[in-house]
Amino acid sequence: MNGGNENKYLECGKIINTHGVKGGIKIESWCDSPETLAELTEIYFKKGDSFDKRKVISSTVMKRHVMAYVEGITDIDSAAALKETVIYADRDDIPLDEGDYFIIDLVGLPVIDVDSGVEYGKVSDVFNTGASDIYTVKTPDGERMIPAVPEFIIEIDTERGIFVRPIEGMFN
């Protein structure tokens, strides 16, 4: 999918609390939706430079969080010990629709004027305002923000860059 990116495992949430007394965990989802996280059948814990795979026994969405029971977490003490732990997913386990990208694959891409070929800078962050994603672009003159909407984003190519058609004053 992205030849320039070796990130097989993606941060997908953080354990923020226990759930019940039988090892349930409450997860803050960092996915597009908590439902995406709840559909995973396996999650990973980072151990040094490697990842420890765990089977998800069951999970459900409650409000904006995911409540899950995971292999090897069998009581409230083992669940409590994992509080504040970031969990990961294998990128191959999360289906993407046409035109969707993982944020990590956009960070570091050059932002290029589709008409002039001028490179404005590189994407340093992506965040969501509710209406749309916003790309933070690190330029020689500081950070600029560009809404990720079709009026400005003409093409995204995870090999070559993000091609834009900015309005007057967006990058200067």
C-alpha atoms as a PDB file:
ATOM      1  CA  MET A   1       0.000   0.000   0.000  1.00  0.00           C
ATOM      2  CA  ASN A   2       2.757   2.431   0.853  1.00  0.00           C
ATOM      3  CA  GLY A   3       6.240   1.469  -0.232  1.00  0.00           C
ATOM      4  CA  GLY A   4       7.829   4.259   1.809  1.00  0.00           C
ATOM      5  CA  ASN A   5       6.258   3.271   5.095  1.00  0.00           C
ATOM      6  CA  GLU A   6       7.323   0.309   7.191  1.00  0.00           C
ATOM      7  CA  ASN A   7       4.745   0.819   9.965  1.00  0.00           C
ATOM      8  CA  LYS A   8       3.012  -2.568  10.089  1.00  0.00           C
ATOM      9  CA  TYR A   9       1.477  -1.867  13.502  1.00  0.00           C
ATOM     10  CA  LEU A  10      -0.629   1.227  14.064  1.00  0.00           C
ATOM     11  CA  GLU A  11      -1.578   2.861  17.350  1.00  0.00           C
ATOM     12  CA  CYS A  12      -5.326   2.340  17.623  1.00  0.00           C
ATOM     13  CA  GLY A  13      -6.186   3.246  21.209  1.00  0.00           C
ATOM     14  CA  LYS A  14      -5.255   3.366  24.861  1.00  0.00           C
ATOM     15  CA  ILE A  15      -6.492   1.359  27.814  1.00  0.00           C
ATOM     16  CA  ILE A  16      -7.977   3.935  30.165  1.00  0.00           C
ATOM     17  CA  ASN A  17      -9.644   1.781  32.814  1.00  0.00           C
ATOM     18  CA  THR A  18     -10.860  -1.623  33.868  1.00  0.00           C
ATOM     19  CA  HIS A  19     -14.361  -2.883  33.111  1.00  0.00           C
ATOM     20  CA  GLY A  20     -15.885  -5.278  35.621  1.00  0.00           C
ATOM     21  CA  VAL A  21     -13.942  -7.735  37.751  1.00  0.00           C
ATOM     22  CA  LYS A  22     -13.174 -10.446  35.176  1.00  0.00           C
ATOM     23  CA  GLY A  23     -10.397  -8.659  33.288  1.00  0.00           C
ATOM     24  CA  GLY A  24     -12.411  -6.365  31.045  1.00  0.00           C
ATOM     25  CA  ILE A  25     -10.663  -3.262  29.746  1.00  0.00           C
ATOM     26  CA  LYS A  26     -12.043   0.121  28.719  1.00  0.00           C
ATOM     27  CA  ILE A  27     -10.283   1.460  25.624  1.00  0.00           C
ATOM     28  CA  GLU A  28     -10.191   4.998  24.283  1.00  0.00           C
ATOM     29  CA  SER A  29     -10.406   4.539  20.505  1.00  0.00           C
ATOM     30  CA  TRP A  30      -8.018   6.423  18.248  1.00  0.00           C
ATOM     31  CA  CYS A  31      -9.586   4.929  15.111  1.00  0.00           C
ATOM     32  CA  ASP A  32     -12.013   6.781  12.857  1.00  0.00           C
ATOM     33  CA  SER A  33     -14.751   5.246  14.982  1.00  0.00           C
ATOM     34  CA  PRO A  34     -14.893   3.056  18.089  1.00  0.00           C
ATOM     35  CA  GLU A  35     -16.737   0.496  15.944  1.00  0.00           C
ATOM     36  CA  THR A  36     -13.591   0.055  13.819  1.00  0.00           C
ATOM     37  CA  LEU A  37     -11.610  -0.796  16.951  1.00  0.00           C
ATOM     38  CA  ALA A  38     -14.349  -3.077  18.311  1.00  0.00           C
ATOM     39  CA  GLU A  39     -14.310  -5.127  15.095  1.00  0.00           C
ATOM     40  CA  LEU A  40     -10.664  -6.163  15.536  1.00  0.00           C
ATOM     41  CA  THR A  41     -10.183  -9.828  16.414  1.00  0.00           C
ATOM     42  CA  GLU A  42      -6.573  -9.302  17.494  1.00  0.00           C
ATOM     43  CA  ILE A  43      -4.717  -6.444  19.161  1.00  0.00           C
ATOM     44  CA  TYR A  44      -1.042  -5.996  19.947  1.00  0.00           C
ATOM     45  CA  PHE A  45       0.948  -4.756  22.914  1.00  0.00           C
ATOM     46  CA  LYS A  46       4.380  -3.271  22.244  1.00  0.00           C
ATOM     47  CA  LYS A  47       7.170  -5.002  24.156  1.00  0.00           C
ATOM     48  CA  GLY A  48      10.470  -3.253  23.399  1.00  0.00           C
ATOM     49  CA  ASP A  49      10.934  -3.583  19.641  1.00  0.00           C
ATOM     50  CA  SER A  50       8.429  -6.406  19.195  1.00  0.00           C
ATOM     51  CA  PHE A  51       4.662  -6.754  19.371  1.00  0.00           C
ATOM     52  CA  ASP A  52       2.754  -9.275  21.488  1.00  0.00           C
ATOM     53  CA  LYS A  53      -0.409 -10.476  19.715  1.00  0.00           C
ATOM     54  CA  ARG A  54      -3.540 -11.047  21.817  1.00  0.00           C
ATOM     55  CA  LYS A  55      -6.870 -12.479  20.691  1.00  0.00           C
ATOM     56  CA  VAL A  56      -9.899 -10.304  21.399  1.00  0.00           C
ATOM     57  CA  ILE A  57     -12.448 -12.588  23.061  1.00  0.00           C
ATOM     58  CA  SER A  58     -15.279 -10.071  22.903  1.00  0.00           C
ATOM     59  CA  SER A  59     -15.758  -6.339  22.535  1.00  0.00           C
ATOM     60  CA  THR A  60     -18.552  -3.829  22.421  1.00  0.00           C
ATOM     61  CA  VAL A  61     -18.928  -0.093  21.954  1.00  0.00           C
ATOM     62  CA  MET A  62     -20.281   1.910  24.896  1.00  0.00           C
ATOM     63  CA  LYS A  63     -20.650   5.603  24.131  1.00  0.00           C
ATOM     64  CA  ARG A  64     -17.315   6.518  22.520  1.00  0.00           C
ATOM     65  CA  HIS A  65     -15.230   3.778  24.152  1.00  0.00           C
ATOM     66  CA  VAL A  66     -14.656   0.084  23.564  1.00  0.00           C
ATOM     67  CA  MET A  67     -15.118  -2.459  26.332  1.00  0.00           C
ATOM     68  CA  ALA A  68     -13.140  -5.607  25.597  1.00  0.00           C
ATOM     69  CA  TYR A  69     -12.086  -8.936  26.995  1.00  0.00           C
ATOM     70  CA  VAL A  70      -8.670  -9.971  25.730  1.00  0.00           C
ATOM     71  CA  GLU A  71      -6.746 -13.222  25.932  1.00  0.00           C
ATOM     72  CA  GLY A  72      -4.452 -13.329  28.981  1.00  0.00           C
ATOM     73  CA  ILE A  73      -6.231 -10.570  30.921  1.00  0.00           C
ATOM     74  CA  THR A  74      -8.350 -12.591  33.337  1.00  0.00           C
ATOM     75  CA  ASP A  75      -8.933 -10.466  36.415  1.00  0.00           C
ATOM     76  CA  ILE A  76      -9.256  -6.886  37.556  1.00  0.00           C
ATOM     77  CA  ASP A  77      -5.631  -6.763  38.750  1.00  0.00           C
ATOM     78  CA  SER A  78      -4.159  -7.780  35.382  1.00  0.00           C
ATOM     79  CA  ALA A  79      -6.508  -5.305  33.664  1.00  0.00           C
ATOM     80  CA  ALA A  80      -5.586  -2.492  36.090  1.00  0.00           C
ATOM     81  CA  ALA A  81      -1.872  -3.114  35.458  1.00  0.00           C
ATOM     82  CA  LEU A  82      -2.446  -2.209  31.781  1.00  0.00           C
ATOM     83  CA  LYS A  83      -4.012   1.191  32.439  1.00  0.00           C
ATOM     84  CA  GLU A  84      -2.488   3.875  30.138  1.00  0.00           C
ATOM     85  CA  THR A  85      -1.106   1.172  27.800  1.00  0.00           C
ATOM     86  CA  VAL A  86      -1.275   1.985  24.090  1.00  0.00           C
ATOM     87  CA  ILE A  87      -2.677  -0.804  21.962  1.00  0.00           C
ATOM     88  CA  TYR A  88      -1.870  -1.494  18.338  1.00  0.00           C
ATOM     89  CA  ALA A  89      -3.507  -3.096  15.316  1.00  0.00           C
ATOM     90  CA  ASP A  90      -1.943  -4.762  12.314  1.00  0.00           C
ATOM     91  CA  ARG A  91      -2.597  -2.382   9.396  1.00  0.00           C
ATOM     92  CA  ASP A  92      -3.798  -5.374   7.331  1.00  0.00           C
ATOM     93  CA  ASP A  93      -6.629  -5.959   9.832  1.00  0.00           C
ATOM     94  CA  ILE A  94      -8.226  -2.554   9.202  1.00  0.00           C
ATOM     95  CA  PRO A  95     -10.001  -2.318   5.862  1.00  0.00           C
ATOM     96  CA  LEU A  96      -9.696   0.980   4.020  1.00  0.00           C
ATOM     97  CA  ASP A  97     -12.190   2.332   1.532  1.00  0.00           C
ATOM     98  CA  GLU A  98     -10.987   3.770  -1.765  1.00  0.00           C
ATOM     99  CA  GLY A  99      -9.396   7.148  -1.102  1.00  0.00           C
ATOM    100  CA  ASP A 100      -8.876   6.516   2.643  1.00  0.00           C
ATOM    101  CA  TYR A 101      -5.406   6.532   4.201  1.00  0.00           C
ATOM    102  CA  PHE A 102      -3.814   5.879   7.547  1.00  0.00           C
ATOM    103  CA  ILE A 103      -2.676   9.160   9.115  1.00  0.00           C
ATOM    104  CA  ILE A 104       0.813   7.773   9.674  1.00  0.00           C
ATOM    105  CA  ASP A 105       1.123   7.295   5.903  1.00  0.00           C
ATOM    106  CA  LEU A 106       0.425  10.999   5.306  1.00  0.00           C
ATOM    107  CA  VAL A 107       2.814  12.403   7.923  1.00  0.00           C
ATOM    108  CA  GLY A 108       6.083  13.350   6.251  1.00  0.00           C
ATOM    109  CA  LEU A 109       4.657  13.563   2.727  1.00  0.00           C
ATOM    110  CA  PRO A 110       5.557  16.659   0.722  1.00  0.00           C
ATOM    111  CA  VAL A 111       2.728  19.093  -0.037  1.00  0.00           C
ATOM    112  CA  ILE A 112       3.071  20.142  -3.676  1.00  0.00           C
ATOM    113  CA  ASP A 113       1.226  22.746  -5.750  1.00  0.00           C
ATOM    114  CA  VAL A 114      -0.502  20.719  -8.471  1.00  0.00           C
ATOM    115  CA  ASP A 115      -0.208  23.582 -10.992  1.00  0.00           C
ATOM    116  CA  SER A 116       3.294  25.003 -10.365  1.00  0.00           C
ATOM    117  CA  GLY A 117       5.092  22.013  -8.827  1.00  0.00           C
ATOM    118  CA  VAL A 118       6.246  24.177  -5.883  1.00  0.00           C
ATOM    119  CA  GLU A 119       6.760  22.164  -2.699  1.00  0.00           C
ATOM    120  CA  TYR A 120       5.341  24.099   0.263  1.00  0.00           C
ATOM    121  CA  GLY A 121       6.544  21.797   3.018  1.00  0.00           C
ATOM    122  CA  LYS A 122       5.759  18.440   4.602  1.00  0.00           C
ATOM    123  CA  VAL A 123       2.727  17.183   6.532  1.00  0.00           C
ATOM    124  CA  SER A 124       3.641  17.171  10.235  1.00  0.00           C
ATOM    125  CA  ASP A 125       0.242  16.281  11.726  1.00  0.00           C
ATOM    126  CA  VAL A 126      -3.347  15.475  10.881  1.00  0.00           C
ATOM    127  CA  PHE A 127      -6.258  16.264  13.164  1.00  0.00           C
ATOM    128  CA  ASN A 128     -10.024  16.345  12.841  1.00  0.00           C
ATOM    129  CA  THR A 129     -12.261  19.310  13.586  1.00  0.00           C
ATOM    130  CA  GLY A 130     -15.484  17.385  13.112  1.00  0.00           C
ATOM    131  CA  ALA A 131     -16.169  18.927   9.712  1.00  0.00           C
ATOM    132  CA  SER A 132     -13.003  17.609   8.049  1.00  0.00           C
ATOM    133  CA  ASP A 133      -9.428  16.579   8.644  1.00  0.00           C
ATOM    134  CA  ILE A 134      -6.882  19.377   8.802  1.00  0.00           C
ATOM    135  CA  TYR A 135      -3.333  18.798   7.566  1.00  0.00           C
ATOM    136  CA  THR A 136      -0.634  20.704   9.437  1.00  0.00           C
ATOM    137  CA  VAL A 137       2.154  21.519   6.995  1.00  0.00           C
ATOM    138  CA  LYS A 138       5.618  22.430   8.252  1.00  0.00           C
ATOM    139  CA  THR A 139       6.960  25.078   5.870  1.00  0.00           C
ATOM    140  CA  PRO A 140      10.206  27.097   5.931  1.00  0.00           C
ATOM    141  CA  ASP A 141       8.090  29.994   7.312  1.00  0.00           C
ATOM    142  CA  GLY A 142       6.356  27.999  10.067  1.00  0.00           C
ATOM    143  CA  GLU A 143       3.298  25.814  10.256  1.00  0.00           C
ATOM    144  CA  ARG A 144       0.321  26.244   7.948  1.00  0.00           C
ATOM    145  CA  MET A 145      -2.975  24.395   8.015  1.00  0.00           C
ATOM    146  CA  ILE A 146      -4.954  23.155   5.058  1.00  0.00           C
ATOM    147  CA  PRO A 147      -8.406  21.588   5.214  1.00  0.00           C
ATOM    148  CA  ALA A 148      -8.448  18.107   3.673  1.00  0.00           C
ATOM    149  CA  VAL A 149     -11.335  18.892   1.333  1.00  0.00           C
ATOM    150  CA  PRO A 150     -11.585  18.393  -2.456  1.00  0.00           C
ATOM    151  CA  GLU A 151     -11.448  22.154  -3.076  1.00  0.00           C
ATOM    152  CA  PHE A 152      -7.801  22.178  -1.896  1.00  0.00           C
ATOM    153  CA  ILE A 153      -6.577  18.560  -1.978  1.00  0.00           C
ATOM    154  CA  ILE A 154      -6.425  17.483  -5.611  1.00  0.00           C
ATOM    155  CA  GLU A 155      -4.562  14.183  -5.236  1.00  0.00           C
ATOM    156  CA  ILE A 156      -2.955  12.088  -2.529  1.00  0.00           C
ATOM    157  CA  ASP A 157      -0.220   9.730  -3.640  1.00  0.00           C
ATOM    158  CA  THR A 158       1.475   8.059  -0.683  1.00  0.00           C
ATOM    159  CA  GLU A 159       4.592   7.550  -2.844  1.00  0.00           C
ATOM    160  CA  ARG A 160       4.929  11.085  -4.287  1.00  0.00           C
ATOM    161  CA  GLY A 161       3.053  13.511  -2.057  1.00  0.00           C
ATOM    162  CA  ILE A 162      -0.117  15.483  -1.494  1.00  0.00           C
ATOM    163  CA  PHE A 163      -1.019  17.667  -4.453  1.00  0.00           C
ATOM    164  CA  VAL A 164      -2.911  20.826  -3.583  1.00  0.00           C
ATOM    165  CA  ARG A 165      -4.484  23.878  -5.188  1.00  0.00           C
ATOM    166  CA  PRO A 166      -4.269  26.465  -2.382  1.00  0.00           C
ATOM    167  CA  ILE A 167      -6.116  29.747  -2.225  1.00  0.00           C
ATOM    168  CA  GLU A 168      -4.288  33.089  -2.052  1.00  0.00           C
ATOM    169  CA  GLY A 169      -2.501  33.488   1.277  1.00  0.00           C
ATOM    170  CA  MET A 170      -2.744  29.845   2.378  1.00  0.00           C
ATOM    171  CA  PHE A 171       1.036  29.314   2.250  1.00  0.00           C
ATOM    172  CA  ASN A 172       2.434  32.856   2.300  1.00  0.00           C
END
